[in-house]
């Protein structure tokens, strides 16, 4: 009986541990997950990046009222070691391009891009695939995975993207006290 009680306590403690440890993005900035703002974390690789690009901008724009941090984890396990440096440069280039696309999207909608857009958007080059493996994603996984994380770093929701976009949006809205009607495209 004591063993069961001990295991229950340990499982409770593990549930209290934040979903993400401190990490840095491709620009060397600390990714502030669990530091006061909710986050949307997208897990991708080079095989599904076009899928992500085609849907993520409108989704992120729709969440603007909640002001989440956006983090894109790029799995580099399928990139040969010799080319990982080149891949990191491509990710930095993609970061700048994505930032420009988001600014353009806001402008096209007649809105001023948020002043903190750049400081709220991060891309992490995951050379060893640790964060992806922690979610059970195998090397070369087919579908982008999205995760909603609370301001304290706890996972709120997770699922394939864009299929789980509404659930992720609702979780972020609930974490910030914003109704789904205030988040564009979330039902």
N, C-alpha and C. Protein backbone atom coordinates (compact mmCIF):
# COMPACT_ATOMS: atom_id res chain seq x y z
N UNK A 1 0.82 -1.19 0.00
CA UNK A 1 0.00 0.00 0.00
C UNK A 1 0.87 1.26 0.00
N UNK A 2 1.97 1.21 0.76
CA UNK A 2 2.88 2.36 0.80
C UNK A 2 3.50 2.62 -0.56
N UNK A 3 3.76 1.54 -1.30
CA UNK A 3 4.35 1.69 -2.63
C UNK A 3 3.38 2.41 -3.55
N UNK A 4 2.12 2.05 -3.48
CA UNK A 4 1.10 2.70 -4.32
C UNK A 4 0.98 4.18 -3.95
N UNK A 5 0.98 4.48 -2.68
CA UNK A 5 0.90 5.88 -2.23
C UNK A 5 2.12 6.66 -2.70
N UNK A 6 3.30 6.06 -2.63
CA UNK A 6 4.52 6.72 -3.07
C UNK A 6 4.47 6.97 -4.57
N UNK A 7 4.06 5.98 -5.34
CA UNK A 7 3.96 6.15 -6.79
C UNK A 7 2.94 7.23 -7.14
N UNK A 8 1.84 7.28 -6.43
CA UNK A 8 0.83 8.30 -6.68
C UNK A 8 1.41 9.69 -6.43
N UNK A 9 2.15 9.85 -5.35
CA UNK A 9 2.79 11.14 -5.04
C UNK A 9 3.79 11.53 -6.12
N UNK A 10 4.60 10.54 -6.57
CA UNK A 10 5.57 10.83 -7.61
C UNK A 10 4.90 11.24 -8.91
N UNK A 11 3.83 10.55 -9.28
CA UNK A 11 3.09 10.92 -10.49
C UNK A 11 2.50 12.32 -10.37
N UNK A 12 2.03 12.66 -9.18
CA UNK A 12 1.50 14.01 -8.94
C UNK A 12 2.57 15.06 -9.10
N UNK A 13 3.77 14.77 -8.60
CA UNK A 13 4.88 15.71 -8.75
C UNK A 13 5.28 15.86 -10.21
N UNK A 14 5.32 14.75 -10.95
CA UNK A 14 5.66 14.82 -12.36
C UNK A 14 4.65 15.66 -13.13
N UNK A 15 3.40 15.60 -12.75
CA UNK A 15 2.37 16.40 -13.42
C UNK A 15 2.54 17.88 -13.15
N UNK A 16 3.22 18.24 -12.05
CA UNK A 16 3.42 19.63 -11.70
C UNK A 16 4.65 20.23 -12.38
N UNK A 17 5.50 19.37 -12.95
CA UNK A 17 6.69 19.86 -13.62
C UNK A 17 6.28 20.51 -14.93
N UNK A 18 6.81 21.71 -15.25
CA UNK A 18 6.46 22.37 -16.50
C UNK A 18 6.76 21.50 -17.71
N UNK A 19 5.99 21.72 -18.77
CA UNK A 19 6.11 20.91 -19.98
C UNK A 19 7.45 21.12 -20.69
N UNK A 20 8.10 22.25 -20.50
CA UNK A 20 9.32 22.56 -21.24
C UNK A 20 10.41 23.05 -20.30
N UNK A 21 11.61 22.57 -20.52
CA UNK A 21 12.76 23.09 -19.80
C UNK A 21 13.27 24.31 -20.56
N UNK A 22 14.14 25.09 -19.91
CA UNK A 22 14.69 26.28 -20.56
C UNK A 22 15.45 25.86 -21.81
N UNK A 23 15.24 26.56 -22.90
CA UNK A 23 15.93 26.28 -24.15
C UNK A 23 16.13 27.59 -24.90
N UNK A 24 16.98 27.56 -25.91
CA UNK A 24 17.21 28.75 -26.70
C UNK A 24 16.77 28.51 -28.14
N UNK A 25 16.44 29.61 -28.81
CA UNK A 25 16.01 29.50 -30.20
C UNK A 25 17.21 29.69 -31.13
N UNK A 26 16.96 29.75 -32.42
CA UNK A 26 18.04 29.84 -33.40
C UNK A 26 18.76 31.18 -33.35
N UNK A 27 18.17 32.17 -32.69
CA UNK A 27 18.83 33.47 -32.52
C UNK A 27 19.57 33.55 -31.18
N UNK A 28 19.54 32.46 -30.41
CA UNK A 28 20.22 32.43 -29.12
C UNK A 28 19.42 33.00 -27.97
N UNK A 29 18.14 33.30 -28.22
CA UNK A 29 17.28 33.85 -27.17
C UNK A 29 16.66 32.72 -26.35
N UNK A 30 16.49 32.96 -25.06
CA UNK A 30 15.81 31.98 -24.23
C UNK A 30 14.33 31.97 -24.61
N UNK A 31 13.77 30.80 -24.76
CA UNK A 31 12.35 30.66 -25.08
C UNK A 31 11.59 30.72 -23.76
N UNK A 32 10.76 31.74 -23.57
CA UNK A 32 10.14 31.99 -22.26
C UNK A 32 8.85 31.20 -21.98
N UNK A 33 8.85 29.93 -22.27
CA UNK A 33 7.68 29.12 -21.97
C UNK A 33 7.58 28.93 -20.46
N UNK A 34 6.36 29.13 -19.95
CA UNK A 34 6.15 28.98 -18.52
C UNK A 34 6.56 30.20 -17.72
N UNK A 35 6.70 31.32 -18.39
CA UNK A 35 7.14 32.54 -17.72
C UNK A 35 6.10 33.65 -17.80
N UNK A 36 4.83 33.28 -17.64
CA UNK A 36 3.79 34.30 -17.53
C UNK A 36 2.86 34.47 -18.71
N UNK A 37 3.18 33.88 -19.86
CA UNK A 37 2.30 33.97 -21.03
C UNK A 37 2.03 32.57 -21.56
N UNK A 38 0.82 32.34 -22.07
CA UNK A 38 0.56 31.04 -22.69
C UNK A 38 1.36 30.92 -23.99
N UNK A 39 1.48 29.70 -24.47
CA UNK A 39 2.25 29.48 -25.69
C UNK A 39 1.55 28.45 -26.58
N UNK A 40 1.79 28.62 -27.86
CA UNK A 40 1.42 27.61 -28.85
C UNK A 40 2.74 27.09 -29.39
N UNK A 41 2.95 25.79 -29.26
CA UNK A 41 4.18 25.17 -29.72
C UNK A 41 3.83 24.26 -30.88
N UNK A 42 4.52 24.44 -31.99
CA UNK A 42 4.29 23.65 -33.19
C UNK A 42 5.53 22.80 -33.44
N UNK A 43 5.33 21.52 -33.64
CA UNK A 43 6.42 20.58 -33.88
C UNK A 43 6.39 20.17 -35.34
N UNK A 44 7.48 20.47 -36.05
CA UNK A 44 7.52 20.21 -37.49
C UNK A 44 8.89 19.64 -37.87
N UNK A 45 9.00 19.25 -39.13
CA UNK A 45 10.28 18.84 -39.70
C UNK A 45 10.30 19.28 -41.16
N UNK A 46 11.37 18.99 -41.84
CA UNK A 46 11.46 19.48 -43.22
C UNK A 46 10.44 18.84 -44.14
N UNK A 47 9.93 17.67 -43.79
CA UNK A 47 8.94 16.99 -44.62
C UNK A 47 7.55 17.57 -44.53
N UNK A 48 7.23 18.29 -43.45
CA UNK A 48 5.88 18.83 -43.32
C UNK A 48 5.87 20.35 -43.15
N UNK A 49 6.96 21.01 -43.48
CA UNK A 49 7.02 22.46 -43.32
C UNK A 49 6.04 23.21 -44.22
N UNK A 50 5.81 22.69 -45.43
CA UNK A 50 4.85 23.36 -46.32
C UNK A 50 3.45 23.30 -45.76
N UNK A 51 3.09 22.18 -45.13
CA UNK A 51 1.80 22.05 -44.47
C UNK A 51 1.65 23.11 -43.38
N UNK A 52 2.71 23.31 -42.63
CA UNK A 52 2.70 24.30 -41.56
C UNK A 52 2.58 25.71 -42.12
N UNK A 53 3.38 26.03 -43.12
CA UNK A 53 3.35 27.37 -43.71
C UNK A 53 1.97 27.71 -44.29
N UNK A 54 1.29 26.71 -44.82
CA UNK A 54 0.00 26.96 -45.45
C UNK A 54 -1.12 27.28 -44.49
N UNK A 55 -0.97 26.93 -43.22
CA UNK A 55 -2.08 27.10 -42.28
C UNK A 55 -1.74 27.92 -41.04
N UNK A 56 -0.48 27.99 -40.69
CA UNK A 56 -0.11 28.58 -39.39
C UNK A 56 -0.34 30.08 -39.30
N UNK A 57 -0.09 30.82 -40.36
CA UNK A 57 -0.20 32.28 -40.27
C UNK A 57 -1.60 32.74 -39.89
N UNK A 58 -2.61 32.21 -40.57
CA UNK A 58 -3.99 32.59 -40.25
C UNK A 58 -4.37 32.14 -38.84
N UNK A 59 -3.91 30.96 -38.44
CA UNK A 59 -4.18 30.46 -37.10
C UNK A 59 -3.58 31.39 -36.04
N UNK A 60 -2.33 31.74 -36.22
CA UNK A 60 -1.65 32.63 -35.27
C UNK A 60 -2.33 34.00 -35.24
N UNK A 61 -2.68 34.50 -36.40
CA UNK A 61 -3.39 35.79 -36.46
C UNK A 61 -4.71 35.71 -35.69
N UNK A 62 -5.40 34.60 -35.81
CA UNK A 62 -6.67 34.43 -35.12
C UNK A 62 -6.54 34.44 -33.60
N UNK A 63 -5.38 34.07 -33.10
CA UNK A 63 -5.15 34.04 -31.65
C UNK A 63 -4.61 35.35 -31.09
N UNK A 64 -4.52 36.38 -31.92
CA UNK A 64 -3.86 37.63 -31.53
C UNK A 64 -4.41 38.25 -30.25
N UNK A 65 -5.70 38.09 -29.95
CA UNK A 65 -6.28 38.68 -28.75
C UNK A 65 -5.71 38.03 -27.48
N UNK A 66 -5.29 36.77 -27.58
CA UNK A 66 -4.74 36.05 -26.42
C UNK A 66 -3.24 36.32 -26.24
N UNK A 67 -2.59 36.86 -27.25
CA UNK A 67 -1.17 37.19 -27.23
C UNK A 67 -0.27 36.03 -26.79
N UNK A 68 -0.43 34.84 -27.37
CA UNK A 68 0.43 33.74 -26.95
C UNK A 68 1.84 33.88 -27.54
N UNK A 69 2.77 33.24 -26.90
CA UNK A 69 4.11 33.07 -27.46
C UNK A 69 3.97 31.95 -28.50
N UNK A 70 4.62 32.10 -29.63
CA UNK A 70 4.58 31.08 -30.68
C UNK A 70 5.98 30.48 -30.79
N UNK A 71 6.06 29.16 -30.68
CA UNK A 71 7.34 28.47 -30.78
C UNK A 71 7.20 27.37 -31.82
N UNK A 72 8.13 27.35 -32.76
CA UNK A 72 8.16 26.29 -33.77
C UNK A 72 9.42 25.47 -33.50
N UNK A 73 9.22 24.21 -33.13
CA UNK A 73 10.33 23.27 -32.94
C UNK A 73 10.53 22.55 -34.25
N UNK A 74 11.74 22.65 -34.81
CA UNK A 74 12.05 22.00 -36.07
C UNK A 74 12.95 20.80 -35.78
N UNK A 75 12.47 19.62 -36.10
CA UNK A 75 13.19 18.37 -35.87
C UNK A 75 14.26 18.20 -36.95
N UNK A 76 15.51 18.10 -36.52
CA UNK A 76 16.62 17.93 -37.46
C UNK A 76 17.20 16.51 -37.43
N UNK A 77 16.49 15.57 -36.83
CA UNK A 77 17.02 14.20 -36.76
C UNK A 77 17.24 13.59 -38.14
N UNK A 78 16.43 14.00 -39.13
CA UNK A 78 16.58 13.40 -40.45
C UNK A 78 17.55 14.17 -41.34
N UNK A 79 18.26 15.15 -40.75
CA UNK A 79 19.27 15.90 -41.49
C UNK A 79 20.64 15.32 -41.13
N UNK A 80 21.43 14.90 -42.12
CA UNK A 80 22.76 14.35 -41.83
C UNK A 80 23.61 15.36 -41.05
N UNK A 81 24.42 14.87 -40.11
CA UNK A 81 25.22 15.71 -39.23
C UNK A 81 26.02 16.78 -39.95
N UNK A 82 26.56 16.46 -41.08
CA UNK A 82 27.37 17.40 -41.85
C UNK A 82 26.56 18.61 -42.30
N UNK A 83 25.24 18.45 -42.45
CA UNK A 83 24.39 19.51 -42.97
C UNK A 83 23.56 20.23 -41.90
N UNK A 84 23.73 19.87 -40.64
CA UNK A 84 22.92 20.50 -39.58
C UNK A 84 23.20 22.00 -39.46
N UNK A 85 24.45 22.42 -39.66
CA UNK A 85 24.78 23.84 -39.62
C UNK A 85 24.05 24.61 -40.72
N UNK A 86 24.03 24.03 -41.91
CA UNK A 86 23.31 24.62 -43.03
C UNK A 86 21.81 24.67 -42.73
N UNK A 87 21.29 23.59 -42.13
CA UNK A 87 19.87 23.55 -41.79
C UNK A 87 19.53 24.65 -40.78
N UNK A 88 20.41 24.89 -39.81
CA UNK A 88 20.17 25.95 -38.83
C UNK A 88 20.11 27.33 -39.52
N UNK A 89 20.96 27.53 -40.51
CA UNK A 89 20.94 28.79 -41.27
C UNK A 89 19.62 28.93 -42.03
N UNK A 90 19.15 27.83 -42.59
CA UNK A 90 17.87 27.85 -43.31
C UNK A 90 16.71 28.14 -42.35
N UNK A 91 16.80 27.62 -41.14
CA UNK A 91 15.75 27.88 -40.15
C UNK A 91 15.77 29.36 -39.76
N UNK A 92 16.96 29.95 -39.62
CA UNK A 92 17.06 31.38 -39.31
C UNK A 92 16.46 32.21 -40.45
N UNK A 93 16.73 31.78 -41.68
CA UNK A 93 16.16 32.46 -42.85
C UNK A 93 14.63 32.31 -42.85
N UNK A 94 14.16 31.12 -42.53
CA UNK A 94 12.72 30.86 -42.46
C UNK A 94 12.07 31.69 -41.35
N UNK A 95 12.77 31.87 -40.24
CA UNK A 95 12.27 32.70 -39.14
C UNK A 95 12.02 34.12 -39.65
N UNK A 96 13.01 34.69 -40.31
CA UNK A 96 12.87 36.07 -40.83
C UNK A 96 11.73 36.16 -41.85
N UNK A 97 11.64 35.17 -42.73
CA UNK A 97 10.57 35.14 -43.73
C UNK A 97 9.20 35.03 -43.06
N UNK A 98 9.09 34.18 -42.06
CA UNK A 98 7.82 34.02 -41.35
C UNK A 98 7.41 35.29 -40.64
N UNK A 99 8.38 35.97 -40.05
CA UNK A 99 8.10 37.24 -39.38
C UNK A 99 7.57 38.26 -40.39
N UNK A 100 8.18 38.32 -41.55
CA UNK A 100 7.72 39.22 -42.61
C UNK A 100 6.31 38.86 -43.06
N UNK A 101 6.03 37.56 -43.21
CA UNK A 101 4.70 37.11 -43.62
C UNK A 101 3.64 37.51 -42.59
N UNK A 102 3.98 37.37 -41.30
CA UNK A 102 3.03 37.75 -40.25
C UNK A 102 2.78 39.25 -40.26
N UNK A 103 3.83 40.03 -40.43
CA UNK A 103 3.67 41.49 -40.50
C UNK A 103 2.81 41.86 -41.69
N UNK A 104 3.03 41.21 -42.82
CA UNK A 104 2.23 41.46 -44.02
C UNK A 104 0.77 41.08 -43.80
N UNK A 105 0.53 39.96 -43.12
CA UNK A 105 -0.84 39.52 -42.84
C UNK A 105 -1.58 40.56 -42.02
N UNK A 106 -0.94 41.08 -40.99
CA UNK A 106 -1.56 42.13 -40.18
C UNK A 106 -1.85 43.36 -41.05
N UNK A 107 -0.88 43.78 -41.85
CA UNK A 107 -1.07 44.94 -42.72
C UNK A 107 -2.19 44.72 -43.71
N UNK A 108 -2.25 43.52 -44.31
CA UNK A 108 -3.30 43.20 -45.26
C UNK A 108 -4.69 43.25 -44.62
N UNK A 109 -4.76 42.98 -43.32
CA UNK A 109 -6.03 43.01 -42.60
C UNK A 109 -6.33 44.41 -42.05
N UNK A 110 -5.46 45.37 -42.39
CA UNK A 110 -5.67 46.74 -41.96
C UNK A 110 -5.29 47.00 -40.51
N UNK A 111 -4.44 46.16 -39.97
CA UNK A 111 -4.02 46.31 -38.57
C UNK A 111 -2.52 46.52 -38.48
N UNK A 112 -2.14 47.18 -37.43
CA UNK A 112 -0.73 47.36 -37.14
C UNK A 112 -0.21 46.07 -36.49
N UNK A 113 0.91 45.50 -36.97
CA UNK A 113 1.45 44.31 -36.31
C UNK A 113 1.79 44.63 -34.85
N UNK A 114 1.60 43.68 -33.96
CA UNK A 114 1.93 43.92 -32.55
C UNK A 114 3.39 44.33 -32.39
N UNK A 115 3.64 45.24 -31.48
CA UNK A 115 5.00 45.71 -31.24
C UNK A 115 5.91 44.58 -30.75
N UNK A 116 5.32 43.60 -30.07
CA UNK A 116 6.13 42.50 -29.53
C UNK A 116 6.10 41.26 -30.42
N UNK A 117 5.74 41.41 -31.68
CA UNK A 117 5.65 40.25 -32.57
C UNK A 117 6.96 39.49 -32.63
N UNK A 118 8.06 40.17 -32.84
CA UNK A 118 9.35 39.51 -32.96
C UNK A 118 9.76 38.84 -31.65
N UNK A 119 9.48 39.48 -30.53
CA UNK A 119 9.88 38.91 -29.25
C UNK A 119 8.89 37.85 -28.75
N UNK A 120 7.84 37.61 -29.51
CA UNK A 120 6.85 36.58 -29.15
C UNK A 120 6.91 35.37 -30.07
N UNK A 121 7.85 35.36 -31.00
CA UNK A 121 7.94 34.30 -31.99
C UNK A 121 9.34 33.69 -31.95
N UNK A 122 9.40 32.37 -31.82
CA UNK A 122 10.66 31.67 -31.68
C UNK A 122 10.69 30.44 -32.58
N UNK A 123 11.86 30.13 -33.10
CA UNK A 123 12.09 28.88 -33.83
C UNK A 123 13.26 28.18 -33.16
N UNK A 124 13.06 26.92 -32.83
CA UNK A 124 14.08 26.13 -32.16
C UNK A 124 14.52 25.00 -33.09
N UNK A 125 15.83 24.95 -33.37
CA UNK A 125 16.38 23.86 -34.17
C UNK A 125 16.70 22.73 -33.21
N UNK A 126 15.97 21.65 -33.30
CA UNK A 126 16.12 20.52 -32.39
C UNK A 126 17.00 19.46 -33.06
N UNK A 127 18.32 19.61 -32.90
CA UNK A 127 19.28 18.73 -33.57
C UNK A 127 19.13 17.27 -33.20
N UNK A 128 18.86 16.99 -31.94
CA UNK A 128 18.76 15.60 -31.48
C UNK A 128 17.31 15.11 -31.43
N UNK A 129 16.36 16.01 -31.62
CA UNK A 129 14.96 15.62 -31.63
C UNK A 129 14.38 15.30 -30.26
N UNK A 130 15.02 15.82 -29.18
CA UNK A 130 14.56 15.48 -27.83
C UNK A 130 13.12 15.91 -27.58
N UNK A 131 12.78 17.13 -27.95
CA UNK A 131 11.42 17.60 -27.68
C UNK A 131 10.40 16.80 -28.49
N UNK A 132 10.76 16.40 -29.68
CA UNK A 132 9.87 15.61 -30.52
C UNK A 132 9.72 14.19 -29.97
N UNK A 133 10.82 13.62 -29.54
CA UNK A 133 10.78 12.28 -28.95
C UNK A 133 9.94 12.27 -27.68
N UNK A 134 10.02 13.36 -26.90
CA UNK A 134 9.24 13.44 -25.66
C UNK A 134 7.74 13.37 -25.94
N UNK A 135 7.33 13.79 -27.13
CA UNK A 135 5.92 13.71 -27.52
C UNK A 135 5.60 12.41 -28.25
N UNK A 136 6.60 11.56 -28.42
CA UNK A 136 6.39 10.29 -29.11
C UNK A 136 6.46 10.39 -30.62
N UNK A 137 7.02 11.49 -31.13
CA UNK A 137 7.12 11.66 -32.58
C UNK A 137 8.37 10.97 -33.10
N UNK A 138 8.18 10.08 -34.02
CA UNK A 138 9.29 9.33 -34.61
C UNK A 138 9.99 10.18 -35.66
N UNK A 139 11.22 9.86 -35.93
CA UNK A 139 12.01 10.55 -36.96
C UNK A 139 11.23 10.52 -38.28
N UNK A 140 11.09 11.68 -38.92
CA UNK A 140 10.38 11.78 -40.19
C UNK A 140 8.86 11.76 -40.07
N UNK A 141 8.31 12.13 -38.89
CA UNK A 141 6.86 12.10 -38.70
C UNK A 141 6.16 12.92 -39.78
N UNK A 142 4.93 12.52 -40.13
CA UNK A 142 4.22 13.09 -41.27
C UNK A 142 3.44 14.36 -40.98
N UNK A 143 2.86 14.46 -39.80
CA UNK A 143 1.94 15.55 -39.51
C UNK A 143 2.50 16.49 -38.46
N UNK A 144 2.32 17.78 -38.68
CA UNK A 144 2.69 18.79 -37.70
C UNK A 144 1.85 18.55 -36.45
N UNK A 145 2.44 18.73 -35.28
CA UNK A 145 1.71 18.60 -34.02
C UNK A 145 1.72 19.95 -33.32
N UNK A 146 0.56 20.34 -32.79
CA UNK A 146 0.43 21.61 -32.06
C UNK A 146 0.17 21.31 -30.60
N UNK A 147 0.66 22.19 -29.76
CA UNK A 147 0.50 22.03 -28.32
C UNK A 147 0.18 23.40 -27.73
N UNK A 148 -0.84 23.44 -26.87
CA UNK A 148 -1.17 24.66 -26.11
C UNK A 148 -0.53 24.49 -24.73
N UNK A 149 0.17 25.52 -24.28
CA UNK A 149 0.87 25.48 -23.00
C UNK A 149 0.41 26.69 -22.18
N UNK A 150 0.13 26.44 -20.90
CA UNK A 150 -0.34 27.52 -20.02
C UNK A 150 0.78 28.49 -19.69
N UNK A 151 0.42 29.60 -19.06
CA UNK A 151 1.40 30.62 -18.66
C UNK A 151 2.41 30.07 -17.66
N UNK A 152 2.04 29.00 -16.95
CA UNK A 152 2.97 28.39 -15.99
C UNK A 152 3.76 27.24 -16.61
N UNK A 153 3.50 26.90 -17.87
CA UNK A 153 4.26 25.88 -18.56
C UNK A 153 3.62 24.51 -18.63
N UNK A 154 2.37 24.38 -18.21
CA UNK A 154 1.68 23.09 -18.24
C UNK A 154 0.98 22.90 -19.59
N UNK A 155 1.06 21.68 -20.11
CA UNK A 155 0.36 21.39 -21.35
C UNK A 155 -1.14 21.44 -21.12
N UNK A 156 -1.85 22.14 -22.01
CA UNK A 156 -3.31 22.27 -21.93
C UNK A 156 -4.00 21.39 -22.96
N UNK A 157 -3.41 21.30 -24.14
CA UNK A 157 -4.00 20.52 -25.24
C UNK A 157 -2.91 20.20 -26.24
N UNK A 158 -3.16 19.14 -27.01
CA UNK A 158 -2.20 18.73 -28.03
C UNK A 158 -2.94 17.98 -29.11
N UNK A 159 -2.47 18.11 -30.35
CA UNK A 159 -3.07 17.35 -31.42
C UNK A 159 -2.44 17.65 -32.76
N UNK A 160 -2.83 16.90 -33.79
CA UNK A 160 -2.29 17.14 -35.13
C UNK A 160 -2.77 18.50 -35.64
N UNK A 161 -1.89 19.17 -36.35
CA UNK A 161 -2.22 20.50 -36.85
C UNK A 161 -2.34 20.44 -38.36
N UNK A 162 -3.36 21.02 -38.94
CA UNK A 162 -4.31 21.98 -38.39
C UNK A 162 -5.59 21.36 -37.83
N UNK A 163 -5.72 20.04 -37.85
CA UNK A 163 -6.96 19.42 -37.40
C UNK A 163 -7.34 19.81 -35.97
N UNK A 164 -6.37 19.95 -35.09
CA UNK A 164 -6.64 20.28 -33.69
C UNK A 164 -6.58 21.79 -33.41
N UNK A 165 -6.57 22.60 -34.45
CA UNK A 165 -6.45 24.05 -34.27
C UNK A 165 -7.54 24.62 -33.36
N UNK A 166 -8.77 24.18 -33.54
CA UNK A 166 -9.86 24.70 -32.69
C UNK A 166 -9.64 24.35 -31.22
N UNK A 167 -9.25 23.11 -30.95
CA UNK A 167 -9.00 22.70 -29.56
C UNK A 167 -7.84 23.47 -28.96
N UNK A 168 -6.80 23.70 -29.73
CA UNK A 168 -5.64 24.47 -29.25
C UNK A 168 -6.08 25.90 -28.98
N UNK A 169 -6.83 26.48 -29.90
CA UNK A 169 -7.33 27.85 -29.73
C UNK A 169 -8.23 28.00 -28.51
N UNK A 170 -9.13 27.02 -28.32
CA UNK A 170 -10.01 27.06 -27.14
C UNK A 170 -9.20 26.97 -25.85
N UNK A 171 -8.19 26.12 -25.83
CA UNK A 171 -7.35 25.97 -24.63
C UNK A 171 -6.60 27.26 -24.33
N UNK A 172 -6.07 27.90 -25.34
CA UNK A 172 -5.36 29.17 -25.15
C UNK A 172 -6.36 30.24 -24.68
N UNK A 173 -7.54 30.27 -25.30
CA UNK A 173 -8.57 31.23 -24.89
C UNK A 173 -8.98 31.03 -23.44
N UNK A 174 -9.21 29.79 -23.05
CA UNK A 174 -9.60 29.50 -21.67
C UNK A 174 -8.50 29.89 -20.69
N UNK A 175 -7.25 29.67 -21.08
CA UNK A 175 -6.12 30.00 -20.20
C UNK A 175 -5.96 31.51 -20.01
N UNK A 176 -6.45 32.28 -20.97
CA UNK A 176 -6.31 33.74 -20.89
C UNK A 176 -7.62 34.44 -20.57
N UNK A 177 -8.70 33.67 -20.43
CA UNK A 177 -10.00 34.28 -20.13
C UNK A 177 -10.65 34.93 -21.33
N UNK A 178 -10.26 34.52 -22.52
CA UNK A 178 -10.82 35.09 -23.76
C UNK A 178 -11.76 34.06 -24.37
N UNK A 179 -12.97 34.50 -24.70
CA UNK A 179 -13.96 33.58 -25.26
C UNK A 179 -13.59 33.20 -26.70
N UNK A 180 -14.02 32.03 -27.14
CA UNK A 180 -13.73 31.60 -28.51
C UNK A 180 -14.23 32.59 -29.57
N UNK A 181 -15.29 33.33 -29.27
CA UNK A 181 -15.78 34.30 -30.25
C UNK A 181 -14.81 35.46 -30.46
N UNK A 182 -13.94 35.70 -29.48
CA UNK A 182 -12.94 36.75 -29.63
C UNK A 182 -11.70 36.27 -30.36
N UNK A 183 -11.61 34.97 -30.57
CA UNK A 183 -10.47 34.39 -31.29
C UNK A 183 -10.95 33.99 -32.67
N UNK A 184 -10.47 34.65 -33.68
CA UNK A 184 -10.91 34.41 -35.05
C UNK A 184 -10.65 32.97 -35.48
N UNK A 185 -11.66 32.35 -36.03
CA UNK A 185 -11.52 31.01 -36.57
C UNK A 185 -11.58 29.89 -35.54
N UNK A 186 -11.80 30.21 -34.27
CA UNK A 186 -11.88 29.19 -33.23
C UNK A 186 -13.34 28.97 -32.89
N UNK A 187 -13.75 27.72 -32.89
CA UNK A 187 -15.14 27.38 -32.57
C UNK A 187 -15.19 26.58 -31.30
